[in-house]
């Protein structure tokens, strides 16, 4: 059994942020086009489940996964 990747905390300076914005803010992807493709293609997870909604509103404590990285939303 493999251990999941460690979780890195990303402070967003507020209570919520949209998934697409979070991926760019956290430096995971550089452009909106890359974010859109990654989400639509099912490469992004939120709390362990694939989510294809770029506009999904993330809340503090949500964990976003992409390419082996896990990032937790922090205020």
N, C-alpha and C. Protein backbone atom coordinates (compact mmCIF):
# COMPACT_ATOMS: atom_id res chain seq x y z
N UNK A 1 0.85 -1.19 0.00
CA UNK A 1 0.00 0.00 0.00
C UNK A 1 0.88 1.24 0.00
N UNK A 2 0.60 2.18 -0.89
CA UNK A 2 1.40 3.40 -0.96
C UNK A 2 0.81 4.48 -0.08
N UNK A 3 1.68 5.29 0.47
CA UNK A 3 1.24 6.41 1.27
C UNK A 3 0.88 7.56 0.35
N UNK A 4 -0.19 8.28 0.66
CA UNK A 4 -0.53 9.44 -0.18
C UNK A 4 0.53 10.53 -0.01
N UNK A 5 0.57 11.40 -1.00
CA UNK A 5 1.52 12.51 -0.95
C UNK A 5 1.23 13.38 0.26
N UNK A 6 2.28 13.99 0.83
CA UNK A 6 2.03 14.91 1.94
C UNK A 6 1.18 16.09 1.47
N UNK A 7 0.54 16.72 2.41
CA UNK A 7 -0.33 17.86 2.08
C UNK A 7 0.40 19.16 2.38
N UNK A 8 0.46 20.04 1.39
CA UNK A 8 1.02 21.38 1.57
C UNK A 8 -0.13 22.35 1.79
N UNK A 9 0.03 23.25 2.75
CA UNK A 9 -0.98 24.27 3.01
C UNK A 9 -0.73 25.48 2.13
N UNK A 10 -1.81 26.02 1.55
CA UNK A 10 -1.74 27.23 0.72
C UNK A 10 -2.69 28.25 1.31
N UNK A 11 -2.15 29.33 1.82
CA UNK A 11 -2.97 30.39 2.41
C UNK A 11 -3.52 31.29 1.31
N UNK A 12 -4.84 31.42 1.28
CA UNK A 12 -5.48 32.22 0.22
C UNK A 12 -5.87 33.61 0.69
N UNK A 13 -5.71 33.88 1.98
CA UNK A 13 -6.00 35.21 2.50
C UNK A 13 -7.48 35.53 2.59
N UNK A 14 -8.31 34.51 2.66
CA UNK A 14 -9.76 34.72 2.76
C UNK A 14 -10.46 33.42 3.07
N UNK A 15 -11.77 33.40 2.84
CA UNK A 15 -12.56 32.23 3.19
C UNK A 15 -12.78 31.26 2.04
N UNK A 16 -12.72 31.74 0.81
CA UNK A 16 -13.01 30.87 -0.32
C UNK A 16 -12.33 31.34 -1.58
N UNK A 17 -12.20 30.42 -2.55
CA UNK A 17 -11.58 30.71 -3.84
C UNK A 17 -12.09 29.66 -4.82
N UNK A 18 -12.16 30.02 -6.08
CA UNK A 18 -12.60 29.06 -7.10
C UNK A 18 -11.44 28.13 -7.47
N UNK A 19 -11.79 26.92 -7.89
CA UNK A 19 -10.80 25.89 -8.17
C UNK A 19 -9.77 26.35 -9.21
N UNK A 20 -10.22 26.91 -10.31
CA UNK A 20 -9.29 27.37 -11.34
C UNK A 20 -8.35 28.45 -10.83
N UNK A 21 -8.88 29.38 -10.07
CA UNK A 21 -8.06 30.44 -9.49
C UNK A 21 -7.04 29.87 -8.52
N UNK A 22 -7.47 28.88 -7.72
CA UNK A 22 -6.58 28.28 -6.74
C UNK A 22 -5.38 27.61 -7.40
N UNK A 23 -5.62 26.88 -8.48
CA UNK A 23 -4.52 26.20 -9.15
C UNK A 23 -3.47 27.18 -9.67
N UNK A 24 -3.92 28.32 -10.18
CA UNK A 24 -2.97 29.34 -10.63
C UNK A 24 -2.31 30.03 -9.44
N UNK A 25 -3.09 30.39 -8.43
CA UNK A 25 -2.58 31.07 -7.24
C UNK A 25 -1.51 30.24 -6.54
N UNK A 26 -1.73 28.93 -6.46
CA UNK A 26 -0.79 28.03 -5.78
C UNK A 26 0.44 27.73 -6.64
N UNK A 27 0.44 28.17 -7.88
CA UNK A 27 1.59 27.95 -8.76
C UNK A 27 1.64 26.56 -9.36
N UNK A 28 0.53 25.85 -9.32
CA UNK A 28 0.47 24.50 -9.87
C UNK A 28 0.47 24.55 -11.39
N UNK A 29 -0.28 25.47 -11.95
CA UNK A 29 -0.34 25.68 -13.39
C UNK A 29 -0.19 27.17 -13.68
N UNK A 30 0.37 27.48 -14.85
CA UNK A 30 0.69 28.87 -15.16
C UNK A 30 -0.41 29.66 -15.85
N UNK A 31 -1.19 28.99 -16.69
CA UNK A 31 -2.17 29.74 -17.48
C UNK A 31 -3.58 29.22 -17.27
N UNK A 32 -4.53 30.08 -17.57
CA UNK A 32 -5.93 29.69 -17.48
C UNK A 32 -6.26 28.57 -18.45
N UNK A 33 -5.61 28.56 -19.61
CA UNK A 33 -5.83 27.49 -20.58
C UNK A 33 -5.37 26.14 -20.05
N UNK A 34 -4.21 26.14 -19.40
CA UNK A 34 -3.69 24.89 -18.81
C UNK A 34 -4.61 24.41 -17.70
N UNK A 35 -5.11 25.35 -16.89
CA UNK A 35 -6.02 25.00 -15.80
C UNK A 35 -7.29 24.38 -16.37
N UNK A 36 -7.85 25.02 -17.38
CA UNK A 36 -9.10 24.53 -17.99
C UNK A 36 -8.92 23.12 -18.51
N UNK A 37 -7.83 22.86 -19.24
CA UNK A 37 -7.59 21.53 -19.80
C UNK A 37 -7.42 20.48 -18.70
N UNK A 38 -6.63 20.79 -17.68
CA UNK A 38 -6.38 19.83 -16.60
C UNK A 38 -7.67 19.46 -15.89
N UNK A 39 -8.52 20.45 -15.65
CA UNK A 39 -9.78 20.19 -14.94
C UNK A 39 -10.74 19.40 -15.83
N UNK A 40 -10.92 19.83 -17.07
CA UNK A 40 -11.85 19.15 -17.98
C UNK A 40 -11.41 17.71 -18.24
N UNK A 41 -10.09 17.49 -18.33
CA UNK A 41 -9.57 16.14 -18.60
C UNK A 41 -9.60 15.23 -17.37
N UNK A 42 -10.03 15.76 -16.23
CA UNK A 42 -10.18 14.93 -15.04
C UNK A 42 -8.91 14.68 -14.26
N UNK A 43 -7.91 15.55 -14.41
CA UNK A 43 -6.64 15.37 -13.71
C UNK A 43 -6.61 16.03 -12.34
N UNK A 44 -7.67 16.75 -11.98
CA UNK A 44 -7.70 17.47 -10.71
C UNK A 44 -8.74 16.83 -9.78
N UNK A 45 -8.35 16.66 -8.52
CA UNK A 45 -9.29 16.14 -7.53
C UNK A 45 -9.52 17.17 -6.44
N UNK A 46 -10.69 17.11 -5.85
CA UNK A 46 -11.01 17.92 -4.68
C UNK A 46 -11.51 16.96 -3.62
N UNK A 47 -10.83 16.94 -2.50
CA UNK A 47 -11.16 16.02 -1.41
C UNK A 47 -11.24 14.57 -1.89
N UNK A 48 -10.29 14.21 -2.78
CA UNK A 48 -10.17 12.83 -3.23
C UNK A 48 -11.05 12.42 -4.39
N UNK A 49 -11.89 13.32 -4.90
CA UNK A 49 -12.77 13.00 -6.01
C UNK A 49 -12.53 13.93 -7.19
N UNK A 50 -12.54 13.37 -8.39
CA UNK A 50 -12.36 14.19 -9.60
C UNK A 50 -13.47 15.22 -9.66
N UNK A 51 -13.08 16.46 -9.94
CA UNK A 51 -14.07 17.53 -10.10
C UNK A 51 -13.74 18.29 -11.38
N UNK A 52 -14.70 18.33 -12.30
CA UNK A 52 -14.48 18.97 -13.59
C UNK A 52 -15.09 20.37 -13.67
N UNK A 53 -15.33 20.98 -12.52
CA UNK A 53 -15.92 22.33 -12.49
C UNK A 53 -14.85 23.35 -12.12
N UNK A 54 -14.40 24.10 -13.12
CA UNK A 54 -13.37 25.11 -12.90
C UNK A 54 -13.83 26.17 -11.90
N UNK A 55 -15.12 26.44 -11.89
CA UNK A 55 -15.69 27.47 -11.02
C UNK A 55 -16.11 26.95 -9.65
N UNK A 56 -15.80 25.70 -9.34
CA UNK A 56 -16.18 25.17 -8.03
C UNK A 56 -15.61 26.04 -6.93
N UNK A 57 -16.45 26.40 -5.99
CA UNK A 57 -16.03 27.24 -4.87
C UNK A 57 -15.36 26.34 -3.81
N UNK A 58 -14.08 26.56 -3.58
CA UNK A 58 -13.36 25.82 -2.55
C UNK A 58 -13.54 26.52 -1.22
N UNK A 59 -13.53 25.73 -0.17
CA UNK A 59 -13.66 26.26 1.19
C UNK A 59 -12.38 25.93 1.96
N UNK A 60 -12.14 26.65 3.03
CA UNK A 60 -11.00 26.38 3.89
C UNK A 60 -11.06 24.92 4.33
N UNK A 61 -9.94 24.22 4.19
CA UNK A 61 -9.85 22.82 4.57
C UNK A 61 -9.96 21.85 3.41
N UNK A 62 -10.47 22.31 2.25
CA UNK A 62 -10.54 21.44 1.07
C UNK A 62 -9.12 21.08 0.64
N UNK A 63 -8.95 19.87 0.10
CA UNK A 63 -7.65 19.41 -0.38
C UNK A 63 -7.76 19.17 -1.89
N UNK A 64 -6.90 19.87 -2.64
CA UNK A 64 -6.87 19.77 -4.09
C UNK A 64 -5.67 18.92 -4.49
N UNK A 65 -5.90 17.96 -5.38
CA UNK A 65 -4.82 17.10 -5.86
C UNK A 65 -4.57 17.28 -7.33
N UNK A 66 -3.28 17.28 -7.71
CA UNK A 66 -2.90 17.37 -9.12
C UNK A 66 -1.48 16.85 -9.28
N UNK A 67 -1.30 15.89 -10.17
CA UNK A 67 0.02 15.31 -10.50
C UNK A 67 0.82 14.92 -9.25
N UNK A 68 0.18 14.22 -8.35
CA UNK A 68 0.87 13.73 -7.17
C UNK A 68 1.02 14.73 -6.04
N UNK A 69 0.59 15.95 -6.24
CA UNK A 69 0.64 16.98 -5.18
C UNK A 69 -0.72 17.10 -4.54
N UNK A 70 -0.73 17.40 -3.24
CA UNK A 70 -1.97 17.67 -2.53
C UNK A 70 -1.81 18.99 -1.80
N UNK A 71 -2.77 19.87 -2.01
CA UNK A 71 -2.72 21.23 -1.47
C UNK A 71 -3.99 21.51 -0.68
N UNK A 72 -3.83 21.94 0.57
CA UNK A 72 -4.99 22.24 1.42
C UNK A 72 -5.22 23.75 1.43
N UNK A 73 -6.47 24.13 1.26
CA UNK A 73 -6.86 25.55 1.29
C UNK A 73 -6.84 26.04 2.73
N UNK A 74 -6.10 27.10 2.96
CA UNK A 74 -6.02 27.73 4.29
C UNK A 74 -6.37 29.21 4.17
N UNK A 75 -6.94 29.78 5.25
CA UNK A 75 -7.30 31.20 5.19
C UNK A 75 -6.07 32.11 5.16
